[in-house]
């Protein structure tokens, strides 16, 4: 499956993302070394979910956001992305650095999550 690539502005921060599949929304947050890659497990997830895979600011050729100083800032950024995509709740999956961000999001706004992996 080839994901659709797109970009949007989230409160002044440009976001590049890939998206594929149908079903409940699933936000996938990549690790530090996997920015912009779509892997076979994401194809498998896209069989059951609408998989949204953004690239973290400052990773994979995405411009850095000067206002992001720590992981909690990234968590707020992704909560803003969820709002920008008009998603009420998401299944949230994080790998490595993305898992750390996902844990921060869960602490801040668990009511926005359908599940956390």
N, C-alpha and C. Protein backbone atom coordinates (compact mmCIF):
# COMPACT_ATOMS: atom_id res chain seq x y z
N UNK A 1 0.85 -1.17 0.00
CA UNK A 1 0.00 0.00 0.00
C UNK A 1 0.89 1.23 0.00
N UNK A 2 0.57 2.17 -0.85
CA UNK A 2 1.33 3.42 -0.89
C UNK A 2 0.55 4.49 -0.16
N UNK A 3 1.12 5.04 0.92
CA UNK A 3 0.40 6.07 1.67
C UNK A 3 0.36 7.38 0.90
N UNK A 4 -0.65 8.17 1.18
CA UNK A 4 -0.74 9.52 0.62
C UNK A 4 0.13 10.44 1.48
N UNK A 5 0.97 11.21 0.82
CA UNK A 5 1.81 12.18 1.53
C UNK A 5 1.14 13.55 1.45
N UNK A 6 1.17 14.26 2.56
CA UNK A 6 0.59 15.60 2.58
C UNK A 6 1.30 16.43 3.63
N UNK A 7 0.92 17.67 3.69
CA UNK A 7 1.47 18.57 4.69
C UNK A 7 0.39 19.52 5.16
N UNK A 8 0.55 20.02 6.35
CA UNK A 8 -0.35 21.03 6.87
C UNK A 8 0.38 21.88 7.89
N UNK A 9 -0.23 22.98 8.22
CA UNK A 9 0.33 23.89 9.20
C UNK A 9 -0.44 23.71 10.51
N UNK A 10 0.30 23.45 11.58
CA UNK A 10 -0.31 23.28 12.89
C UNK A 10 0.22 24.39 13.79
N UNK A 11 -0.59 25.40 13.98
CA UNK A 11 -0.21 26.56 14.81
C UNK A 11 1.15 27.14 14.41
N UNK A 12 1.35 27.26 13.11
CA UNK A 12 2.59 27.85 12.61
C UNK A 12 3.73 26.88 12.41
N UNK A 13 3.54 25.62 12.75
CA UNK A 13 4.58 24.60 12.58
C UNK A 13 4.19 23.70 11.42
N UNK A 14 5.02 23.65 10.36
CA UNK A 14 4.69 22.77 9.23
C UNK A 14 4.83 21.30 9.62
N UNK A 15 3.88 20.48 9.18
CA UNK A 15 3.87 19.05 9.48
C UNK A 15 3.76 18.28 8.19
N UNK A 16 4.70 17.35 7.98
CA UNK A 16 4.61 16.41 6.86
C UNK A 16 4.07 15.11 7.42
N UNK A 17 3.13 14.51 6.68
CA UNK A 17 2.61 13.24 7.16
C UNK A 17 2.26 12.32 6.01
N UNK A 18 2.20 11.05 6.34
CA UNK A 18 1.76 10.01 5.43
C UNK A 18 0.50 9.40 6.04
N UNK A 19 -0.42 8.99 5.15
CA UNK A 19 -1.69 8.47 5.65
C UNK A 19 -2.22 7.41 4.71
N UNK A 20 -2.74 6.33 5.28
CA UNK A 20 -3.33 5.25 4.48
C UNK A 20 -4.29 4.46 5.35
N UNK A 21 -5.24 3.82 4.69
CA UNK A 21 -6.15 2.90 5.36
C UNK A 21 -7.50 3.49 5.64
N UNK A 22 -8.35 2.62 6.16
CA UNK A 22 -9.71 2.97 6.55
C UNK A 22 -9.98 2.41 7.93
N UNK A 23 -10.86 3.07 8.62
CA UNK A 23 -11.23 2.61 9.96
C UNK A 23 -11.00 3.70 10.97
N UNK A 24 -10.92 3.29 12.22
CA UNK A 24 -10.68 4.23 13.31
C UNK A 24 -9.29 4.86 13.14
N UNK A 25 -9.15 6.14 13.50
CA UNK A 25 -7.86 6.80 13.35
C UNK A 25 -6.80 6.25 14.30
N UNK A 26 -5.60 6.05 13.75
CA UNK A 26 -4.45 5.59 14.50
C UNK A 26 -3.29 6.54 14.20
N UNK A 27 -2.79 7.19 15.22
CA UNK A 27 -1.64 8.10 15.07
C UNK A 27 -0.39 7.33 15.42
N UNK A 28 0.54 7.22 14.47
CA UNK A 28 1.80 6.52 14.69
C UNK A 28 2.93 7.54 14.83
N UNK A 29 3.63 7.50 15.95
CA UNK A 29 4.76 8.40 16.21
C UNK A 29 6.06 7.60 16.12
N UNK A 30 6.89 7.96 15.18
CA UNK A 30 8.12 7.21 14.87
C UNK A 30 9.23 7.45 15.89
N UNK A 31 10.23 6.58 15.84
CA UNK A 31 11.44 6.75 16.64
C UNK A 31 12.36 7.77 16.00
N UNK A 32 13.47 8.05 16.65
CA UNK A 32 14.38 9.10 16.19
C UNK A 32 14.99 8.82 14.82
N UNK A 33 15.15 7.55 14.46
CA UNK A 33 15.80 7.24 13.19
C UNK A 33 14.88 6.79 12.08
N UNK A 34 13.59 6.87 12.25
CA UNK A 34 12.67 6.30 11.26
C UNK A 34 11.74 7.33 10.62
N UNK A 35 12.13 8.57 10.63
CA UNK A 35 11.27 9.63 10.11
C UNK A 35 10.99 9.45 8.62
N UNK A 36 9.72 9.61 8.26
CA UNK A 36 9.33 9.61 6.86
C UNK A 36 9.31 8.26 6.18
N UNK A 37 9.53 7.19 6.93
CA UNK A 37 9.53 5.85 6.33
C UNK A 37 8.18 5.19 6.57
N UNK A 38 7.69 4.49 5.56
CA UNK A 38 6.46 3.71 5.69
C UNK A 38 6.87 2.25 5.60
N UNK A 39 6.62 1.49 6.66
CA UNK A 39 7.10 0.12 6.74
C UNK A 39 5.96 -0.88 6.64
N UNK A 40 6.30 -2.14 6.46
CA UNK A 40 5.29 -3.18 6.23
C UNK A 40 4.29 -3.29 7.38
N UNK A 41 4.72 -3.06 8.63
CA UNK A 41 3.76 -3.15 9.73
C UNK A 41 2.72 -2.04 9.64
N UNK A 42 3.10 -0.90 9.05
CA UNK A 42 2.12 0.17 8.86
C UNK A 42 1.09 -0.23 7.80
N UNK A 43 1.54 -0.96 6.78
CA UNK A 43 0.59 -1.52 5.80
C UNK A 43 -0.41 -2.43 6.50
N UNK A 44 0.10 -3.27 7.40
CA UNK A 44 -0.78 -4.19 8.12
C UNK A 44 -1.78 -3.42 8.99
N UNK A 45 -1.32 -2.39 9.67
CA UNK A 45 -2.22 -1.57 10.48
C UNK A 45 -3.27 -0.88 9.60
N UNK A 46 -2.87 -0.46 8.41
CA UNK A 46 -3.78 0.25 7.50
C UNK A 46 -4.89 -0.66 6.97
N UNK A 47 -4.78 -1.96 7.18
CA UNK A 47 -5.87 -2.87 6.80
C UNK A 47 -7.08 -2.69 7.71
N UNK A 48 -6.84 -2.19 8.93
CA UNK A 48 -7.92 -2.04 9.92
C UNK A 48 -8.11 -0.61 10.42
N UNK A 49 -7.11 0.26 10.19
CA UNK A 49 -7.15 1.60 10.75
C UNK A 49 -6.82 2.65 9.69
N UNK A 50 -7.21 3.87 9.96
CA UNK A 50 -6.77 5.04 9.20
C UNK A 50 -5.46 5.48 9.85
N UNK A 51 -4.32 5.06 9.28
CA UNK A 51 -3.02 5.31 9.89
C UNK A 51 -2.48 6.67 9.46
N UNK A 52 -2.21 7.51 10.44
CA UNK A 52 -1.63 8.84 10.22
C UNK A 52 -0.23 8.81 10.81
N UNK A 53 0.78 9.06 9.97
CA UNK A 53 2.17 8.97 10.41
C UNK A 53 2.90 10.28 10.10
N UNK A 54 2.90 11.22 11.06
CA UNK A 54 3.61 12.48 10.86
C UNK A 54 5.11 12.32 11.10
N UNK A 55 5.87 13.25 10.57
CA UNK A 55 7.31 13.33 10.82
C UNK A 55 7.52 14.39 11.90
N UNK A 56 8.27 14.04 12.95
CA UNK A 56 8.53 14.99 14.03
C UNK A 56 9.26 16.22 13.48
N UNK A 57 8.95 17.40 14.00
CA UNK A 57 9.70 18.60 13.61
C UNK A 57 11.20 18.39 13.84
N UNK A 58 12.00 18.74 12.85
CA UNK A 58 13.45 18.61 12.96
C UNK A 58 13.96 17.22 12.62
N UNK A 59 13.10 16.33 12.15
CA UNK A 59 13.49 14.97 11.79
C UNK A 59 13.14 14.71 10.32
N UNK A 60 13.92 13.87 9.67
CA UNK A 60 13.61 13.44 8.32
C UNK A 60 13.43 14.55 7.32
N UNK A 61 14.15 15.63 7.48
CA UNK A 61 14.05 16.75 6.54
C UNK A 61 12.97 17.75 6.88
N UNK A 62 12.17 17.48 7.91
CA UNK A 62 11.17 18.46 8.35
C UNK A 62 11.88 19.61 9.07
N UNK A 63 11.40 20.82 8.85
CA UNK A 63 12.05 21.94 9.55
C UNK A 63 11.85 21.85 11.05
N UNK A 64 12.85 22.29 11.78
CA UNK A 64 12.76 22.33 13.24
C UNK A 64 11.79 23.43 13.65
N UNK A 65 11.20 23.25 14.81
CA UNK A 65 10.33 24.27 15.39
C UNK A 65 11.06 24.84 16.61
N UNK A 66 11.41 26.10 16.54
CA UNK A 66 12.21 26.72 17.60
C UNK A 66 11.54 26.67 18.96
N UNK A 67 10.23 26.63 18.99
CA UNK A 67 9.52 26.64 20.26
C UNK A 67 9.53 25.28 20.97
N UNK A 68 9.88 24.23 20.26
CA UNK A 68 9.91 22.90 20.87
C UNK A 68 11.23 22.70 21.60
N UNK A 69 11.15 22.61 22.93
CA UNK A 69 12.35 22.47 23.75
C UNK A 69 12.46 21.11 24.42
N UNK A 70 11.34 20.40 24.58
CA UNK A 70 11.39 19.11 25.25
C UNK A 70 10.24 18.23 24.78
N UNK A 71 10.17 17.03 25.31
CA UNK A 71 9.18 16.05 24.87
C UNK A 71 7.75 16.52 25.17
N UNK A 72 7.56 17.23 26.26
CA UNK A 72 6.20 17.71 26.55
C UNK A 72 5.73 18.70 25.48
N UNK A 73 6.65 19.50 24.93
CA UNK A 73 6.28 20.39 23.83
C UNK A 73 5.84 19.59 22.60
N UNK A 74 6.54 18.49 22.32
CA UNK A 74 6.13 17.62 21.20
C UNK A 74 4.75 17.01 21.47
N UNK A 75 4.48 16.64 22.72
CA UNK A 75 3.16 16.09 23.06
C UNK A 75 2.07 17.13 22.79
N UNK A 76 2.29 18.37 23.20
CA UNK A 76 1.30 19.42 22.92
C UNK A 76 1.15 19.63 21.40
N UNK A 77 2.26 19.56 20.69
CA UNK A 77 2.22 19.69 19.23
C UNK A 77 1.32 18.62 18.61
N UNK A 78 1.45 17.38 19.08
CA UNK A 78 0.63 16.31 18.51
C UNK A 78 -0.82 16.39 18.96
N UNK A 79 -1.09 16.91 20.13
CA UNK A 79 -2.48 17.17 20.51
C UNK A 79 -3.08 18.23 19.58
N UNK A 80 -2.29 19.24 19.24
CA UNK A 80 -2.75 20.25 18.27
C UNK A 80 -2.97 19.62 16.89
N UNK A 81 -2.10 18.67 16.51
CA UNK A 81 -2.27 17.98 15.23
C UNK A 81 -3.58 17.18 15.22
N UNK A 82 -3.87 16.49 16.30
CA UNK A 82 -5.12 15.74 16.41
C UNK A 82 -6.31 16.69 16.21
N UNK A 83 -6.23 17.87 16.82
CA UNK A 83 -7.28 18.87 16.64
C UNK A 83 -7.35 19.34 15.19
N UNK A 84 -6.19 19.62 14.58
CA UNK A 84 -6.15 20.11 13.20
C UNK A 84 -6.74 19.09 12.23
N UNK A 85 -6.57 17.81 12.53
CA UNK A 85 -7.12 16.75 11.69
C UNK A 85 -8.59 16.46 12.03
N UNK A 86 -9.11 17.16 13.03
CA UNK A 86 -10.51 17.02 13.48
C UNK A 86 -10.82 15.60 13.93
N UNK A 87 -9.88 15.05 14.68
CA UNK A 87 -10.05 13.71 15.23
C UNK A 87 -10.41 13.85 16.71
N UNK A 88 -11.48 13.22 17.11
CA UNK A 88 -11.90 13.31 18.51
C UNK A 88 -11.02 12.45 19.41
N UNK A 89 -10.84 11.19 19.00
CA UNK A 89 -10.02 10.23 19.74
C UNK A 89 -9.20 9.43 18.75
N UNK A 90 -8.01 9.00 19.16
CA UNK A 90 -7.14 8.20 18.29
C UNK A 90 -6.59 7.01 19.05
N UNK A 91 -6.27 5.96 18.30
CA UNK A 91 -5.40 4.92 18.82
C UNK A 91 -4.00 5.50 18.65
N UNK A 92 -3.20 5.49 19.68
CA UNK A 92 -1.88 6.12 19.64
C UNK A 92 -0.81 5.05 19.78
N UNK A 93 0.07 4.98 18.78
CA UNK A 93 1.16 4.01 18.76
C UNK A 93 2.46 4.77 18.66
N UNK A 94 3.41 4.48 19.54
CA UNK A 94 4.70 5.14 19.51
C UNK A 94 5.83 4.14 19.57
N UNK A 95 6.89 4.42 18.81
CA UNK A 95 8.09 3.58 18.81
C UNK A 95 9.27 4.41 19.32
N UNK A 96 9.97 3.90 20.31
CA UNK A 96 11.17 4.55 20.83
C UNK A 96 10.85 5.98 21.26
N UNK A 97 11.47 6.97 20.63
CA UNK A 97 11.18 8.37 20.95
C UNK A 97 9.68 8.64 20.82
N UNK A 98 9.05 8.08 19.81
CA UNK A 98 7.62 8.24 19.64
C UNK A 98 6.82 7.65 20.80
N UNK A 99 7.34 6.58 21.39
CA UNK A 99 6.70 6.00 22.57
C UNK A 99 6.77 6.93 23.77
N UNK A 100 7.89 7.62 23.90
CA UNK A 100 8.04 8.60 24.99
C UNK A 100 7.03 9.73 24.80
N UNK A 101 6.93 10.22 23.56
CA UNK A 101 5.97 11.28 23.27
C UNK A 101 4.55 10.79 23.55
N UNK A 102 4.25 9.56 23.11
CA UNK A 102 2.92 8.98 23.32
C UNK A 102 2.59 8.88 24.82
N UNK A 103 3.56 8.49 25.63
CA UNK A 103 3.34 8.40 27.07
C UNK A 103 3.02 9.78 27.65
N UNK A 104 3.71 10.79 27.18
CA UNK A 104 3.43 12.17 27.63
C UNK A 104 2.00 12.58 27.25
N UNK A 105 1.60 12.26 26.02
CA UNK A 105 0.25 12.58 25.57
C UNK A 105 -0.78 11.87 26.46
N UNK A 106 -0.52 10.62 26.78
CA UNK A 106 -1.45 9.85 27.62
C UNK A 106 -1.61 10.48 29.00
N UNK A 107 -0.52 11.00 29.55
CA UNK A 107 -0.58 11.65 30.86
C UNK A 107 -1.37 12.95 30.76
N UNK A 108 -1.17 13.69 29.68
CA UNK A 108 -1.80 15.00 29.52
C UNK A 108 -3.27 14.91 29.13
N UNK A 109 -3.61 13.96 28.26
CA UNK A 109 -4.94 13.98 27.66
C UNK A 109 -5.42 12.56 27.33
N UNK A 110 -5.50 11.72 28.32
CA UNK A 110 -5.92 10.32 28.07
C UNK A 110 -7.34 10.27 27.49
N UNK A 111 -8.15 11.27 27.74
CA UNK A 111 -9.51 11.30 27.21
C UNK A 111 -9.53 11.41 25.68
N UNK A 112 -8.40 11.78 25.07
CA UNK A 112 -8.30 11.88 23.60
C UNK A 112 -7.88 10.57 22.96
N UNK A 113 -7.58 9.54 23.78
CA UNK A 113 -7.05 8.28 23.27
C UNK A 113 -8.07 7.15 23.36
N UNK A 114 -8.13 6.36 22.30
CA UNK A 114 -8.90 5.11 22.32
C UNK A 114 -8.05 3.99 22.89
N UNK A 115 -6.75 4.04 22.62
CA UNK A 115 -5.80 3.08 23.17
C UNK A 115 -4.41 3.65 23.06
N UNK A 116 -3.47 3.02 23.74
CA UNK A 116 -2.07 3.44 23.74
C UNK A 116 -1.20 2.21 23.61
N UNK A 117 -0.29 2.23 22.61
CA UNK A 117 0.63 1.11 22.40
C UNK A 117 2.03 1.69 22.30
